[in-house]
Amino acid sequence: MTGEITLTDESVTPVTPTDTLTIMTQNPETLPEALRAVADAGVIAVLRAPTSEAAVAAAEALIAGGVTAIEVTYSTPDAAPAIARIRQDFPDAIVGAGTLTRRPQVTEAAVAGAQFLVSPGTAPDLVRFMTDTGLPTMSGALTPTELMAALELGVAAIKIFPGSLVGPSYLRALRGPFPDVPLMPTGGVSADNLGDWLSAGAFAVGAGSELCSASDMADQRWDVITEKARRFSAALAAARS
């Protein structure tokens, strides 16, 4: 997929502000619509693409393999045009913005049509700004104290990051004091351990390099990415059977 990507008024979906989100529970029916779709999808592909064009091409490859929830991180150059293009080209996909660390990124992502927002941490001013957009917001946390701080800010779900440091048993332990909080591990999630994370209580998982590596994108190995997506999709189906 080639060609310069530009962000125009016609390529974005306006965001209508709503009340700040309240804490959601593990019951999918209580989640915002976008996160219900994420829960149904089971896997969010976390894209750290070398270019905006590569992000769009990778999204196409992932969707072909059955992974339909895409998080375009702001470590991707020109992330907002990529979000707008993916939403335009693949209207049935769920497309969010990740690695949000500054307010201007949040505004840009919302205007581009992001359906959910993700920050790697829980900086109070930033997370409040994210929730005030009316979009489902996930913030990164690891310890119980960090989870409680995030929940007080009204996030819709918690990104357990980096998941590679703790493993499924840690998430299972968190479900004790936080039984109704949607938790999504990111980092260290593979097709081999996806089922372990879900059985530990994850409402969905985020998969980055195991699903869509920087080298695969740089070398335009879209068929490899599609095959990895198929393996994740098969692992998800097996875990849910």
Protein backbone atom coordinates (compact mmCIF):
# COMPACT_ATOMS: atom_id res chain seq x y z
CA MET A 1 0.00 0.00 0.00
CA THR A 2 1.58 3.27 -1.09
CA GLY A 3 0.78 6.94 -1.37
CA GLU A 4 0.88 9.87 0.99
CA ILE A 5 -1.78 9.92 3.69
CA THR A 6 -3.36 13.27 4.48
CA LEU A 7 -5.93 14.13 7.11
CA THR A 8 -8.91 16.03 5.72
CA ASP A 9 -12.31 17.04 7.05
CA GLU A 10 -13.90 14.32 4.92
CA SER A 11 -11.69 11.58 6.39
CA VAL A 12 -12.52 12.06 10.05
CA THR A 13 -15.44 11.20 12.28
CA PRO A 14 -16.46 14.05 14.61
CA VAL A 15 -16.45 13.33 18.32
CA THR A 16 -19.42 14.38 20.40
CA PRO A 17 -18.33 15.04 24.00
CA THR A 18 -20.29 13.20 26.66
CA ASP A 19 -20.13 12.97 30.40
CA THR A 20 -16.92 11.64 31.90
CA LEU A 21 -16.97 7.84 31.87
CA THR A 22 -17.79 5.99 35.03
CA ILE A 23 -16.06 2.84 36.16
CA MET A 24 -17.22 -0.11 34.07
CA THR A 25 -17.51 -3.70 35.16
CA GLN A 26 -16.45 -7.01 33.67
CA ASN A 27 -19.99 -7.54 32.35
CA PRO A 28 -19.65 -6.74 28.61
CA GLU A 29 -23.11 -5.18 28.52
CA THR A 30 -21.93 -2.39 30.83
CA LEU A 31 -18.90 -1.48 28.71
CA PRO A 32 -18.92 1.39 26.20
CA GLU A 33 -19.80 0.18 22.71
CA ALA A 34 -16.22 0.36 21.43
CA LEU A 35 -14.91 -1.68 24.36
CA ARG A 36 -17.71 -4.22 23.98
CA ALA A 37 -16.43 -4.66 20.45
CA VAL A 38 -12.88 -4.99 21.80
CA ALA A 39 -14.07 -7.63 24.27
CA ASP A 40 -15.75 -9.49 21.41
CA ALA A 41 -12.60 -9.22 19.29
CA GLY A 42 -10.49 -10.50 22.20
CA VAL A 43 -7.18 -9.26 20.78
CA ILE A 44 -6.01 -5.69 20.18
CA ALA A 45 -3.10 -5.41 17.76
CA VAL A 46 -0.75 -2.73 19.10
CA LEU A 47 0.87 -1.12 16.06
CA ARG A 48 4.23 0.62 16.40
CA ALA A 49 4.74 1.15 12.70
CA PRO A 50 7.72 2.83 11.03
CA THR A 51 5.43 4.98 8.86
CA SER A 52 1.79 5.94 8.63
CA GLU A 53 1.50 4.00 5.38
CA ALA A 54 2.95 0.90 7.03
CA ALA A 55 0.37 1.17 9.82
CA VAL A 56 -2.46 1.11 7.28
CA ALA A 57 -0.95 -1.81 5.37
CA ALA A 58 -0.36 -3.72 8.61
CA ALA A 59 -3.96 -3.11 9.67
CA GLU A 60 -5.14 -4.56 6.36
CA ALA A 61 -2.96 -7.64 6.89
CA LEU A 62 -4.18 -8.09 10.46
CA ILE A 63 -7.83 -7.79 9.50
CA ALA A 64 -7.29 -10.37 6.75
CA GLY A 65 -6.08 -12.74 9.48
CA GLY A 66 -9.08 -12.12 11.72
CA VAL A 67 -7.70 -9.50 14.14
CA THR A 68 -10.10 -6.58 13.83
CA ALA A 69 -9.23 -4.39 16.84
CA ILE A 70 -6.30 -2.08 16.08
CA GLU A 71 -4.44 0.32 18.38
CA VAL A 72 -2.29 2.75 16.40
CA THR A 73 0.34 4.00 18.82
CA TYR A 74 1.67 7.53 18.83
CA SER A 75 5.17 6.18 18.39
CA THR A 76 4.00 5.76 14.78
CA PRO A 77 4.83 8.83 12.66
CA ASP A 78 1.67 10.63 11.54
CA ALA A 79 -0.52 8.36 13.63
CA ALA A 80 -3.67 10.45 13.20
CA PRO A 81 -3.84 10.14 9.39
CA ALA A 82 -3.30 6.40 9.77
CA ILE A 83 -6.22 6.17 12.21
CA ALA A 84 -8.44 8.14 9.83
CA ARG A 85 -7.46 5.99 6.84
CA ILE A 86 -7.98 2.69 8.66
CA ARG A 87 -11.40 3.81 9.84
CA GLN A 88 -12.29 4.89 6.32
CA ASP A 89 -11.00 1.78 4.56
CA PHE A 90 -12.13 -0.77 7.18
CA PRO A 91 -15.36 0.54 8.74
CA ASP A 92 -16.04 -2.73 10.58
CA ALA A 93 -12.72 -2.60 12.44
CA ILE A 94 -12.33 -1.07 15.91
CA VAL A 95 -9.56 1.52 15.78
CA GLY A 96 -8.01 3.30 18.74
CA ALA A 97 -5.03 5.48 19.57
CA GLY A 98 -2.30 4.34 21.95
CA THR A 99 0.86 5.57 23.67
CA LEU A 100 -0.86 8.88 24.36
CA THR A 101 1.38 10.99 26.59
CA ARG A 102 0.35 14.57 25.76
CA ARG A 103 -2.93 16.47 25.43
CA PRO A 104 -2.43 17.53 21.78
CA GLN A 105 -2.13 13.86 20.82
CA VAL A 106 -5.46 13.13 22.51
CA THR A 107 -7.22 15.93 20.65
CA GLU A 108 -5.68 14.92 17.34
CA ALA A 109 -6.61 11.26 17.80
CA ALA A 110 -10.20 12.12 18.71
CA VAL A 111 -10.60 14.32 15.64
CA ALA A 112 -9.11 11.57 13.47
CA GLY A 113 -11.90 9.24 14.58
CA ALA A 114 -10.23 7.07 17.23
CA GLN A 115 -12.85 4.90 18.92
CA PHE A 116 -10.88 4.39 22.13
CA LEU A 117 -7.84 5.98 23.78
CA VAL A 118 -4.93 4.31 25.57
CA SER A 119 -2.15 5.80 27.69
CA PRO A 120 0.78 3.73 29.00
CA GLY A 121 0.49 5.38 32.41
CA THR A 122 -1.93 7.21 34.67
CA ALA A 123 -0.90 10.86 34.72
CA PRO A 124 -4.00 12.42 36.34
CA ASP A 125 -4.28 15.57 34.21
CA LEU A 126 -3.81 13.64 30.98
CA VAL A 127 -6.22 10.85 31.87
CA ARG A 128 -8.91 13.36 32.91
CA PHE A 129 -8.44 15.09 29.57
CA MET A 130 -8.81 11.73 27.81
CA THR A 131 -12.00 10.77 29.63
CA ASP A 132 -13.46 14.23 29.02
CA THR A 133 -13.47 13.50 25.28
CA GLY A 134 -16.26 11.02 25.93
CA LEU A 135 -14.22 8.23 24.34
CA PRO A 136 -13.55 4.98 26.22
CA THR A 137 -10.20 5.43 27.95
CA MET A 138 -7.69 2.83 29.10
CA SER A 139 -4.69 3.81 31.18
CA GLY A 140 -1.66 1.75 32.10
CA ALA A 141 -1.22 0.45 35.63
CA LEU A 142 0.49 -2.45 37.35
CA THR A 143 0.09 -2.25 41.12
CA PRO A 144 -3.14 -2.13 43.14
CA THR A 145 -2.36 1.47 44.11
CA GLU A 146 -1.99 2.44 40.45
CA LEU A 147 -5.23 0.66 39.58
CA MET A 148 -7.12 2.54 42.28
CA ALA A 149 -5.70 5.86 41.10
CA ALA A 150 -6.78 5.11 37.53
CA LEU A 151 -10.28 4.06 38.57
CA GLU A 152 -10.76 7.30 40.49
CA LEU A 153 -10.17 9.13 37.21
CA GLY A 154 -13.05 7.30 35.52
CA VAL A 155 -11.22 5.07 33.07
CA ALA A 156 -13.24 2.39 31.29
CA ALA A 157 -10.55 -0.30 31.56
CA ILE A 158 -7.02 -0.83 32.84
CA LYS A 159 -4.07 -1.76 30.66
CA ILE A 160 -1.83 -4.07 32.72
CA PHE A 161 1.57 -3.02 31.44
CA PRO A 162 4.11 -4.41 31.06
CA GLY A 163 2.42 -7.79 31.28
CA SER A 164 5.70 -9.54 30.52
CA LEU A 165 6.97 -8.63 34.00
CA VAL A 166 4.15 -10.32 35.89
CA GLY A 167 2.35 -13.04 33.91
CA PRO A 168 -1.22 -14.41 34.05
CA SER A 169 -0.96 -15.46 37.71
CA TYR A 170 -0.51 -11.83 38.71
CA LEU A 171 -3.60 -10.76 36.79
CA ARG A 172 -5.55 -13.57 38.45
CA ALA A 173 -4.45 -12.24 41.84
CA LEU A 174 -5.62 -8.72 40.89
CA ARG A 175 -9.08 -10.07 40.15
CA GLY A 176 -9.48 -10.73 43.88
CA PRO A 177 -9.66 -7.08 44.99
CA PHE A 178 -10.80 -5.86 41.55
CA PRO A 179 -13.36 -8.45 40.36
CA ASP A 180 -15.43 -6.05 38.25
CA VAL A 181 -12.66 -4.04 36.57
CA PRO A 182 -11.89 -4.83 32.91
CA LEU A 183 -8.18 -5.67 32.73
CA MET A 184 -6.19 -5.91 29.50
CA PRO A 185 -2.61 -7.22 29.69
CA THR A 186 -0.20 -5.86 27.10
CA GLY A 187 3.40 -6.91 26.63
CA GLY A 188 4.51 -10.52 26.52
CA VAL A 189 1.21 -11.77 25.10
CA SER A 190 1.61 -14.50 22.47
CA ALA A 191 -0.62 -16.98 20.68
CA ASP A 192 0.78 -19.62 23.05
CA ASN A 193 -0.18 -17.85 26.30
CA LEU A 194 -3.27 -15.93 25.15
CA GLY A 195 -5.56 -18.57 26.65
CA ASP A 196 -3.76 -18.34 30.00
CA TRP A 197 -4.39 -14.59 30.15
CA LEU A 198 -8.06 -14.98 29.29
CA SER A 199 -8.58 -17.74 31.84
CA ALA A 200 -6.89 -15.50 34.42
CA GLY A 201 -9.64 -12.93 33.86
CA ALA A 202 -8.48 -10.59 31.09
CA PHE A 203 -11.39 -9.06 29.16
CA ALA A 204 -9.06 -8.77 26.14
CA VAL A 205 -5.32 -8.80 25.44
CA GLY A 206 -3.01 -6.39 23.67
CA ALA A 207 -0.40 -7.93 21.38
CA GLY A 208 2.46 -5.99 19.85
CA SER A 209 5.67 -7.43 18.44
CA GLU A 210 4.47 -11.03 18.77
CA LEU A 211 1.71 -10.19 16.32
CA CYS A 212 3.06 -7.34 14.21
CA SER A 213 6.80 -6.85 14.60
CA ALA A 214 8.76 -3.80 13.52
CA SER A 215 10.90 -5.93 11.22
CA ASP A 216 7.89 -7.47 9.49
CA MET A 217 6.46 -4.02 8.84
CA ALA A 218 9.79 -2.54 7.73
CA ASP A 219 10.28 -5.42 5.28
CA GLN A 220 6.62 -5.29 4.18
CA ARG A 221 6.03 -8.94 5.08
CA TRP A 222 2.28 -8.49 5.15
CA ASP A 223 1.64 -12.19 4.49
CA VAL A 224 3.65 -13.05 7.61
CA ILE A 225 1.56 -10.62 9.67
CA THR A 226 -1.64 -12.15 8.30
CA GLU A 227 -0.44 -15.63 9.24
CA LYS A 228 0.41 -14.48 12.77
CA ALA A 229 -3.04 -12.92 13.04
CA ARG A 230 -4.57 -16.24 12.01
CA ARG A 231 -2.61 -18.01 14.75
CA PHE A 232 -3.85 -15.52 17.33
CA SER A 233 -7.41 -15.90 16.04
CA ALA A 234 -7.16 -19.69 16.26
CA ALA A 235 -5.76 -19.48 19.79
CA LEU A 236 -8.59 -17.16 20.79
CA ALA A 237 -11.20 -19.52 19.36
CA ALA A 238 -9.62 -22.46 21.19
CA ALA A 239 -9.55 -20.54 24.47
CA ARG A 240 -13.22 -19.68 24.14
CA SER A 241 -14.39 -23.15 23.11
